[in-house]
Amino acid sequence: METFIPKMRPCIRAGFTEGAQGRDHFEALCFAIIHDLKRIGLTKPDIKMALMEWNKRNYKSLSEGEARRQLADYVEWFFKKNPKLGCKSKQLTLLCVYSNGGCSFAFTPDKECDRLPFALITADQYLLERYPAHAYKMGAVLKTLFKKQVENGRKRIFVGLRSLQAILFSDFKICLDPKDILRLLNKLKDEQFIEIEPGQPGGFKARRRANEYTFLPWKPPQPIISHLCGNSDTLLCVATDNQTQKQEELCVQN
């Protein structure tokens, strides 16, 4: 069983070999150990056995019966939900042993996260024409998501509606209900500005995982000419906007 220990992340390995020093330390370590052992490739029975051994080294260890029940439940939940655990998560932040950097597992920001796959000014102009009553709010939501993308250093944006609500109020003085924000997000999704992956419920004191947002390579829609008609002096064509299905007559002089 001990052959896996050198393969563990340094921050988790230290807590695993020395044991938890308190309740908060126990909760942070428990999920981190399961995640790391699963990453290495251990099976559920092996992880449960490792946790039972780790429990004996803890400052206040659980009874054998309680450990078997509680730790086994944690492992089953982890394999069922498959939650993510990055270096910026609360668990690993508390356990970090590299205060000055140098950890090979540390998260490296994506260099492409400081730019969008489309021009914001073009998006604002399109929204103003398409949604004149909601253009400012929708543009503010786009800018808020972009701000979170830059802050987090990754293209996949995890943020809750309450957090978006707070940023929209502080940065744009827009006061919206979370349900209204969700409606705006769905409009942006329909227009293919963003992709939305719904969040997952949490468990065992874990918070609900927030929705995931990703920017798409949006382009302004181009009119599609459906048919032409006319005479010797004038050509008339009907153009259909592929987003709005709005028809406009275009007149071209011969």
C-alpha atoms as a PDB file:
ATOM      1  CA  MET A   1       0.000   0.000   0.000  1.00  0.00           C
ATOM      2  CA  GLU A   2       2.813   2.442   0.801  1.00  0.00           C
ATOM      3  CA  THR A   3       4.134   2.371  -2.777  1.00  0.00           C
ATOM      4  CA  PHE A   4       1.619   5.076  -3.742  1.00  0.00           C
ATOM      5  CA  ILE A   5       2.826   7.613  -1.142  1.00  0.00           C
ATOM      6  CA  PRO A   6       5.723   9.076  -3.228  1.00  0.00           C
ATOM      7  CA  LYS A   7       3.255   9.691  -6.079  1.00  0.00           C
ATOM      8  CA  MET A   8       0.971  11.891  -3.938  1.00  0.00           C
ATOM      9  CA  ARG A   9       1.015  15.671  -4.126  1.00  0.00           C
ATOM     10  CA  PRO A  10       3.454  17.062  -1.513  1.00  0.00           C
ATOM     11  CA  CYS A  11       0.739  19.053   0.280  1.00  0.00           C
ATOM     12  CA  ILE A  12      -1.501  15.979   0.624  1.00  0.00           C
ATOM     13  CA  ARG A  13       1.328  13.537   1.306  1.00  0.00           C
ATOM     14  CA  ALA A  14       2.426  15.485   4.380  1.00  0.00           C
ATOM     15  CA  GLY A  15      -1.061  15.371   5.909  1.00  0.00           C
ATOM     16  CA  PHE A  16      -1.515  11.726   4.996  1.00  0.00           C
ATOM     17  CA  THR A  17       1.716  10.559   6.635  1.00  0.00           C
ATOM     18  CA  GLU A  18       1.448  12.802   9.713  1.00  0.00           C
ATOM     19  CA  GLY A  19      -2.316  12.634  10.237  1.00  0.00           C
ATOM     20  CA  ALA A  20      -4.970  15.344  10.716  1.00  0.00           C
ATOM     21  CA  GLN A  21      -4.332  17.859  13.493  1.00  0.00           C
ATOM     22  CA  GLY A  22      -7.925  18.981  14.026  1.00  0.00           C
ATOM     23  CA  ARG A  23     -11.489  18.822  12.677  1.00  0.00           C
ATOM     24  CA  ASP A  24     -10.977  21.437   9.916  1.00  0.00           C
ATOM     25  CA  HIS A  25      -7.707  19.787   8.945  1.00  0.00           C
ATOM     26  CA  PHE A  26      -9.463  16.403   8.872  1.00  0.00           C
ATOM     27  CA  GLU A  27     -12.236  17.616   6.549  1.00  0.00           C
ATOM     28  CA  ALA A  28      -9.783  19.298   4.175  1.00  0.00           C
ATOM     29  CA  LEU A  29      -7.478  16.280   4.113  1.00  0.00           C
ATOM     30  CA  CYS A  30     -10.203  13.677   3.750  1.00  0.00           C
ATOM     31  CA  PHE A  31     -11.447  14.922   0.382  1.00  0.00           C
ATOM     32  CA  ALA A  32      -7.927  15.788  -0.787  1.00  0.00           C
ATOM     33  CA  ILE A  33      -6.601  12.293  -0.005  1.00  0.00           C
ATOM     34  CA  ILE A  34      -9.478  10.554  -1.791  1.00  0.00           C
ATOM     35  CA  HIS A  35      -9.065  12.832  -4.818  1.00  0.00           C
ATOM     36  CA  ASP A  36      -5.309  12.281  -4.998  1.00  0.00           C
ATOM     37  CA  LEU A  37      -5.440   8.516  -4.544  1.00  0.00           C
ATOM     38  CA  LYS A  38      -8.127   8.319  -7.218  1.00  0.00           C
ATOM     39  CA  ARG A  39      -5.894  10.419  -9.488  1.00  0.00           C
ATOM     40  CA  ILE A  40      -3.013   8.001  -8.944  1.00  0.00           C
ATOM     41  CA  GLY A  41      -5.263   5.088  -9.921  1.00  0.00           C
ATOM     42  CA  LEU A  42      -6.156   3.331  -6.673  1.00  0.00           C
ATOM     43  CA  THR A  43      -9.433   1.428  -6.554  1.00  0.00           C
ATOM     44  CA  LYS A  44     -12.226   2.154  -4.072  1.00  0.00           C
ATOM     45  CA  PRO A  45     -11.293  -0.721  -1.731  1.00  0.00           C
ATOM     46  CA  ASP A  46      -7.631   0.368  -1.697  1.00  0.00           C
ATOM     47  CA  ILE A  47      -8.584   3.989  -0.958  1.00  0.00           C
ATOM     48  CA  LYS A  48     -10.825   2.867   1.901  1.00  0.00           C
ATOM     49  CA  MET A  49      -7.995   0.800   3.370  1.00  0.00           C
ATOM     50  CA  ALA A  50      -5.597   3.754   3.062  1.00  0.00           C
ATOM     51  CA  LEU A  51      -8.064   6.040   4.845  1.00  0.00           C
ATOM     52  CA  MET A  52      -8.451   3.537   7.688  1.00  0.00           C
ATOM     53  CA  GLU A  53      -4.674   3.561   8.202  1.00  0.00           C
ATOM     54  CA  TRP A  54      -4.599   7.368   7.971  1.00  0.00           C
ATOM     55  CA  ASN A  55      -7.374   7.595  10.580  1.00  0.00           C
ATOM     56  CA  LYS A  56      -5.105   5.856  13.133  1.00  0.00           C
ATOM     57  CA  ARG A  57      -2.525   8.658  12.792  1.00  0.00           C
ATOM     58  CA  ASN A  58      -5.023  11.492  13.283  1.00  0.00           C
ATOM     59  CA  TYR A  59      -4.956  13.672  16.408  1.00  0.00           C
ATOM     60  CA  LYS A  60      -8.453  12.529  17.321  1.00  0.00           C
ATOM     61  CA  SER A  61      -9.117   9.350  15.375  1.00  0.00           C
ATOM     62  CA  LEU A  62     -12.595   8.006  14.732  1.00  0.00           C
ATOM     63  CA  SER A  63     -13.631   4.690  16.241  1.00  0.00           C
ATOM     64  CA  GLU A  64     -13.158   1.763  13.871  1.00  0.00           C
ATOM     65  CA  GLY A  65     -16.887   1.420  13.252  1.00  0.00           C
ATOM     66  CA  GLU A  66     -17.407   5.141  12.703  1.00  0.00           C
ATOM     67  CA  ALA A  67     -14.341   5.322  10.444  1.00  0.00           C
ATOM     68  CA  ARG A  68     -15.570   2.432   8.297  1.00  0.00           C
ATOM     69  CA  ARG A  69     -18.987   4.031   7.888  1.00  0.00           C
ATOM     70  CA  GLN A  70     -17.990   7.673   7.442  1.00  0.00           C
ATOM     71  CA  LEU A  71     -14.840   7.273   5.361  1.00  0.00           C
ATOM     72  CA  ALA A  72     -16.438   4.628   3.151  1.00  0.00           C
ATOM     73  CA  ASP A  73     -19.361   6.996   2.508  1.00  0.00           C
ATOM     74  CA  TYR A  74     -16.927   9.751   1.511  1.00  0.00           C
ATOM     75  CA  VAL A  75     -15.226   7.440  -0.990  1.00  0.00           C
ATOM     76  CA  GLU A  76     -18.523   6.254  -2.501  1.00  0.00           C
ATOM     77  CA  TRP A  77     -19.734   9.862  -2.872  1.00  0.00           C
ATOM     78  CA  PHE A  78     -16.453  10.912  -4.496  1.00  0.00           C
ATOM     79  CA  PHE A  79     -16.543   8.141  -7.100  1.00  0.00           C
ATOM     80  CA  LYS A  80     -20.207   8.883  -7.846  1.00  0.00           C
ATOM     81  CA  LYS A  81     -19.905  12.680  -8.210  1.00  0.00           C
ATOM     82  CA  ASN A  82     -16.291  12.865  -9.474  1.00  0.00           C
ATOM     83  CA  PRO A  83     -15.737  16.452  -8.189  1.00  0.00           C
ATOM     84  CA  LYS A  84     -12.746  18.510  -9.288  1.00  0.00           C
ATOM     85  CA  LEU A  85     -10.044  19.658  -6.878  1.00  0.00           C
ATOM     86  CA  GLY A  86      -7.541  22.224  -8.149  1.00  0.00           C
ATOM     87  CA  CYS A  87      -4.727  24.085  -6.399  1.00  0.00           C
ATOM     88  CA  LYS A  88      -7.008  27.086  -5.838  1.00  0.00           C
ATOM     89  CA  SER A  89      -9.588  25.030  -3.974  1.00  0.00           C
ATOM     90  CA  LYS A  90     -10.086  25.671  -0.275  1.00  0.00           C
ATOM     91  CA  GLN A  91      -8.801  22.209   0.663  1.00  0.00           C
ATOM     92  CA  LEU A  92      -5.446  22.497  -1.119  1.00  0.00           C
ATOM     93  CA  THR A  93      -4.965  26.168  -0.212  1.00  0.00           C
ATOM     94  CA  LEU A  94      -5.099  25.201   3.473  1.00  0.00           C
ATOM     95  CA  LEU A  95      -2.630  22.360   2.921  1.00  0.00           C
ATOM     96  CA  CYS A  96      -0.114  24.088   0.625  1.00  0.00           C
ATOM     97  CA  VAL A  97       3.533  23.580   1.649  1.00  0.00           C
ATOM     98  CA  TYR A  98       5.022  25.719  -1.155  1.00  0.00           C
ATOM     99  CA  SER A  99       4.451  29.284   0.020  1.00  0.00           C
ATOM    100  CA  ASN A 100       7.150  30.576  -2.364  1.00  0.00           C
ATOM    101  CA  GLY A 101       6.126  28.488  -5.373  1.00  0.00           C
ATOM    102  CA  GLY A 102       7.951  25.578  -6.940  1.00  0.00           C
ATOM    103  CA  CYS A 103       5.200  22.953  -6.812  1.00  0.00           C
ATOM    104  CA  SER A 104       4.967  20.912 -10.018  1.00  0.00           C
ATOM    105  CA  PHE A 105       1.228  20.463  -9.454  1.00  0.00           C
ATOM    106  CA  ALA A 106       0.514  24.181  -9.104  1.00  0.00           C
ATOM    107  CA  PHE A 107      -1.964  25.700 -11.522  1.00  0.00           C
ATOM    108  CA  THR A 108      -0.435  27.631 -14.446  1.00  0.00           C
ATOM    109  CA  PRO A 109      -2.671  30.399 -15.850  1.00  0.00           C
ATOM    110  CA  ASP A 110      -3.736  30.049 -19.474  1.00  0.00           C
ATOM    111  CA  LYS A 111      -2.001  32.734 -21.550  1.00  0.00           C
ATOM    112  CA  GLU A 112      -5.060  33.039 -23.794  1.00  0.00           C
ATOM    113  CA  CYS A 113      -7.396  33.989 -20.933  1.00  0.00           C
ATOM    114  CA  ASP A 114      -6.724  37.717 -21.215  1.00  0.00           C
ATOM    115  CA  ARG A 115      -8.538  37.915 -24.534  1.00  0.00           C
ATOM    116  CA  LEU A 116     -11.943  37.032 -25.959  1.00  0.00           C
ATOM    117  CA  PRO A 117     -12.663  35.104 -29.193  1.00  0.00           C
ATOM    118  CA  PHE A 118     -14.695  38.112 -30.402  1.00  0.00           C
ATOM    119  CA  ALA A 119     -14.581  41.909 -30.143  1.00  0.00           C
ATOM    120  CA  LEU A 120     -16.598  43.335 -27.253  1.00  0.00           C
ATOM    121  CA  ILE A 121     -17.395  46.525 -29.173  1.00  0.00           C
ATOM    122  CA  THR A 122     -18.897  44.470 -32.010  1.00  0.00           C
ATOM    123  CA  ALA A 123     -20.888  42.416 -29.509  1.00  0.00           C
ATOM    124  CA  ASP A 124     -22.202  45.581 -27.832  1.00  0.00           C
ATOM    125  CA  GLN A 125     -23.333  46.987 -31.189  1.00  0.00           C
ATOM    126  CA  TYR A 126     -25.117  43.769 -32.096  1.00  0.00           C
ATOM    127  CA  LEU A 127     -26.849  43.522 -28.717  1.00  0.00           C
ATOM    128  CA  LEU A 128     -27.992  47.132 -28.973  1.00  0.00           C
ATOM    129  CA  GLU A 129     -29.686  46.375 -32.300  1.00  0.00           C
ATOM    130  CA  ARG A 130     -31.029  42.951 -31.317  1.00  0.00           C
ATOM    131  CA  TYR A 131     -32.030  43.616 -27.675  1.00  0.00           C
ATOM    132  CA  PRO A 132     -32.326  47.411 -27.234  1.00  0.00           C
ATOM    133  CA  ALA A 133     -34.071  47.056 -23.855  1.00  0.00           C
ATOM    134  CA  HIS A 134     -31.534  44.605 -22.404  1.00  0.00           C
ATOM    135  CA  ALA A 135     -28.342  45.404 -24.333  1.00  0.00           C
ATOM    136  CA  TYR A 136     -26.565  47.193 -21.467  1.00  0.00           C
ATOM    137  CA  LYS A 137     -27.345  44.416 -18.976  1.00  0.00           C
ATOM    138  CA  MET A 138     -26.324  41.645 -21.373  1.00  0.00           C
ATOM    139  CA  GLY A 139     -23.098  43.461 -22.203  1.00  0.00           C
ATOM    140  CA  ALA A 140     -22.406  43.863 -18.486  1.00  0.00           C
ATOM    141  CA  VAL A 141     -22.878  40.111 -17.955  1.00  0.00           C
ATOM    142  CA  LEU A 142     -20.406  39.384 -20.770  1.00  0.00           C
ATOM    143  CA  LYS A 143     -17.847  41.759 -19.256  1.00  0.00           C
ATOM    144  CA  THR A 144     -18.360  40.246 -15.798  1.00  0.00           C
ATOM    145  CA  LEU A 145     -17.728  36.721 -17.104  1.00  0.00           C
ATOM    146  CA  PHE A 146     -14.623  37.967 -18.901  1.00  0.00           C
ATOM    147  CA  LYS A 147     -13.404  39.564 -15.681  1.00  0.00           C
ATOM    148  CA  LYS A 148     -13.778  36.243 -13.870  1.00  0.00           C
ATOM    149  CA  GLN A 149     -11.963  34.459 -16.698  1.00  0.00           C
ATOM    150  CA  VAL A 150      -8.966  36.795 -16.369  1.00  0.00           C
ATOM    151  CA  GLU A 151      -8.962  36.557 -12.555  1.00  0.00           C
ATOM    152  CA  ASN A 152      -9.109  32.753 -12.560  1.00  0.00           C
ATOM    153  CA  GLY A 153      -6.583  32.353 -15.368  1.00  0.00           C
ATOM    154  CA  ARG A 154      -8.590  29.711 -17.205  1.00  0.00           C
ATOM    155  CA  LYS A 155     -11.105  29.620 -20.034  1.00  0.00           C
ATOM    156  CA  ARG A 156     -13.603  27.539 -18.066  1.00  0.00           C
ATOM    157  CA  ILE A 157     -15.392  29.957 -15.748  1.00  0.00           C
ATOM    158  CA  PHE A 158     -17.004  28.632 -12.580  1.00  0.00           C
ATOM    159  CA  VAL A 159     -19.137  31.266 -10.891  1.00  0.00           C
ATOM    160  CA  GLY A 160     -22.468  31.289  -9.082  1.00  0.00           C
ATOM    161  CA  LEU A 161     -25.415  33.573  -9.777  1.00  0.00           C
ATOM    162  CA  ARG A 162     -24.995  35.277  -6.390  1.00  0.00           C
ATOM    163  CA  SER A 163     -21.386  36.158  -7.224  1.00  0.00           C
ATOM    164  CA  LEU A 164     -22.452  37.533 -10.612  1.00  0.00           C
ATOM    165  CA  GLN A 165     -25.158  39.532  -8.858  1.00  0.00           C
ATOM    166  CA  ALA A 166     -22.606  41.120  -6.499  1.00  0.00           C
ATOM    167  CA  ILE A 167     -20.147  41.999  -9.297  1.00  0.00           C
ATOM    168  CA  LEU A 168     -22.861  43.467 -11.532  1.00  0.00           C
ATOM    169  CA  PHE A 169     -23.954  45.729  -8.699  1.00  0.00           C
ATOM    170  CA  SER A 170     -20.448  46.816  -7.643  1.00  0.00           C
ATOM    171  CA  ASP A 171     -19.030  47.336 -11.165  1.00  0.00           C
ATOM    172  CA  PHE A 172     -22.078  48.420 -13.175  1.00  0.00           C
ATOM    173  CA  LYS A 173     -24.594  49.532 -10.508  1.00  0.00           C
ATOM    174  CA  ILE A 174     -27.059  46.998 -11.908  1.00  0.00           C
ATOM    175  CA  CYS A 175     -29.365  45.380  -9.349  1.00  0.00           C
ATOM    176  CA  LEU A 176     -30.770  42.111 -10.697  1.00  0.00           C
ATOM    177  CA  ASP A 177     -32.411  39.067  -9.200  1.00  0.00           C
ATOM    178  CA  PRO A 178     -30.478  35.792  -9.822  1.00  0.00           C
ATOM    179  CA  LYS A 179     -33.393  34.566 -11.952  1.00  0.00           C
ATOM    180  CA  ASP A 180     -33.097  37.672 -14.164  1.00  0.00           C
ATOM    181  CA  ILE A 181     -29.358  37.080 -14.508  1.00  0.00           C
ATOM    182  CA  LEU A 182     -30.048  33.499 -15.556  1.00  0.00           C
ATOM    183  CA  ARG A 183     -32.453  34.747 -18.246  1.00  0.00           C
ATOM    184  CA  LEU A 184     -29.765  37.074 -19.608  1.00  0.00           C
ATOM    185  CA  LEU A 185     -27.226  34.237 -19.584  1.00  0.00           C
ATOM    186  CA  ASN A 186     -29.626  32.023 -21.530  1.00  0.00           C
ATOM    187  CA  LYS A 187     -30.128  34.788 -24.099  1.00  0.00           C
ATOM    188  CA  LEU A 188     -26.358  35.045 -24.511  1.00  0.00           C
ATOM    189  CA  LYS A 189     -26.235  31.280 -24.890  1.00  0.00           C
ATOM    190  CA  ASP A 190     -28.964  31.379 -27.569  1.00  0.00           C
ATOM    191  CA  GLU A 191     -26.941  33.995 -29.435  1.00  0.00           C
ATOM    192  CA  GLN A 192     -23.897  31.681 -29.191  1.00  0.00           C
ATOM    193  CA  PHE A 193     -21.745  34.073 -27.159  1.00  0.00           C
ATOM    194  CA  ILE A 194     -21.266  31.506 -24.393  1.00  0.00           C
ATOM    195  CA  GLU A 195     -21.741  27.845 -23.587  1.00  0.00           C
ATOM    196  CA  ILE A 196     -23.287  26.891 -20.238  1.00  0.00           C
ATOM    197  CA  GLU A 197     -22.681  23.642 -18.378  1.00  0.00           C
ATOM    198  CA  PRO A 198     -25.122  23.345 -15.417  1.00  0.00           C
ATOM    199  CA  GLY A 199     -23.592  22.936 -11.968  1.00  0.00           C
ATOM    200  CA  GLN A 200     -23.806  19.834  -9.821  1.00  0.00           C
ATOM    201  CA  PRO A 201     -25.247  19.516  -6.302  1.00  0.00           C
ATOM    202  CA  GLY A 202     -22.758  19.123  -3.484  1.00  0.00           C
ATOM    203  CA  GLY A 203     -22.779  16.814  -0.501  1.00  0.00           C
ATOM    204  CA  PHE A 204     -21.013  16.012   2.777  1.00  0.00           C
ATOM    205  CA  LYS A 205     -20.714  19.728   3.613  1.00  0.00           C
ATOM    206  CA  ALA A 206     -19.401  20.478   0.133  1.00  0.00           C
ATOM    207  CA  ARG A 207     -20.937  23.508  -1.541  1.00  0.00           C
ATOM    208  CA  ARG A 208     -22.949  23.210  -4.716  1.00  0.00           C
ATOM    209  CA  ARG A 209     -20.711  23.339  -7.742  1.00  0.00           C
ATOM    210  CA  ALA A 210     -21.367  26.528  -9.714  1.00  0.00           C
ATOM    211  CA  ASN A 211     -22.339  26.649 -13.388  1.00  0.00           C
ATOM    212  CA  GLU A 212     -19.508  26.486 -15.904  1.00  0.00           C
ATOM    213  CA  TYR A 213     -19.321  29.127 -18.644  1.00  0.00           C
ATOM    214  CA  THR A 214     -17.111  29.142 -21.742  1.00  0.00           C
ATOM    215  CA  PHE A 215     -16.860  31.858 -24.383  1.00  0.00           C
ATOM    216  CA  LEU A 216     -17.562  30.775 -27.969  1.00  0.00           C
ATOM    217  CA  PRO A 217     -16.027  32.228 -31.170  1.00  0.00           C
ATOM    218  CA  TRP A 218     -19.125  34.337 -31.869  1.00  0.00           C
ATOM    219  CA  LYS A 219     -19.458  36.229 -35.153  1.00  0.00           C
ATOM    220  CA  PRO A 220     -22.112  38.776 -36.182  1.00  0.00           C
ATOM    221  CA  PRO A 221     -24.852  37.014 -38.177  1.00  0.00           C
ATOM    222  CA  GLN A 222     -24.853  37.621 -41.913  1.00  0.00           C
ATOM    223  CA  PRO A 223     -28.064  38.120 -43.952  1.00  0.00           C
ATOM    224  CA  ILE A 224     -28.970  35.243 -46.263  1.00  0.00           C
ATOM    225  CA  ILE A 225     -30.477  36.108 -49.675  1.00  0.00           C
ATOM    226  CA  SER A 226     -33.469  33.853 -50.140  1.00  0.00           C
ATOM    227  CA  HIS A 227     -34.615  34.924 -53.623  1.00  0.00           C
ATOM    228  CA  LEU A 228     -34.260  37.615 -56.270  1.00  0.00           C
ATOM    229  CA  CYS A 229     -36.829  39.284 -58.473  1.00  0.00           C
ATOM    230  CA  GLY A 230     -36.987  42.430 -60.509  1.00  0.00           C
ATOM    231  CA  ASN A 231     -37.169  44.095 -63.864  1.00  0.00           C
ATOM    232  CA  SER A 232     -34.805  45.924 -66.202  1.00  0.00           C
ATOM    233  CA  ASP A 233     -34.563  48.960 -63.875  1.00  0.00           C
ATOM    234  CA  THR A 234     -34.514  47.457 -60.382  1.00  0.00           C
ATOM    235  CA  LEU A 235     -33.510  44.206 -58.744  1.00  0.00           C
ATOM    236  CA  LEU A 236     -35.352  43.325 -55.538  1.00  0.00           C
ATOM    237  CA  CYS A 237     -34.087  40.690 -53.159  1.00  0.00           C
ATOM    238  CA  VAL A 238     -35.381  39.402 -49.844  1.00  0.00           C
ATOM    239  CA  ALA A 239     -32.672  38.918 -47.211  1.00  0.00           C
ATOM    240  CA  THR A 240     -33.340  36.781 -44.145  1.00  0.00           C
ATOM    241  CA  ASP A 241     -31.328  37.348 -40.977  1.00  0.00           C
ATOM    242  CA  ASN A 242     -30.292  33.854 -39.846  1.00  0.00           C
ATOM    243  CA  GLN A 243     -30.602  34.869 -36.174  1.00  0.00           C
ATOM    244  CA  THR A 244     -33.783  36.961 -36.042  1.00  0.00           C
ATOM    245  CA  GLN A 245     -35.613  35.501 -39.073  1.00  0.00           C
ATOM    246  CA  LYS A 246     -36.445  39.115 -39.897  1.00  0.00           C
ATOM    247  CA  GLN A 247     -36.941  39.782 -43.581  1.00  0.00           C
ATOM    248  CA  GLU A 248     -35.774  42.985 -45.222  1.00  0.00           C
ATOM    249  CA  GLU A 249     -36.123  44.180 -48.785  1.00  0.00           C
ATOM    250  CA  LEU A 250     -32.879  45.276 -50.388  1.00  0.00           C
ATOM    251  CA  CYS A 251     -33.028  47.392 -53.488  1.00  0.00           C
ATOM    252  CA  VAL A 252     -30.146  47.437 -55.985  1.00  0.00           C
ATOM    253  CA  GLN A 253     -30.283  49.823 -58.900  1.00  0.00           C
ATOM    254  CA  ASN A 254     -29.185  48.479 -62.265  1.00  0.00           C
END
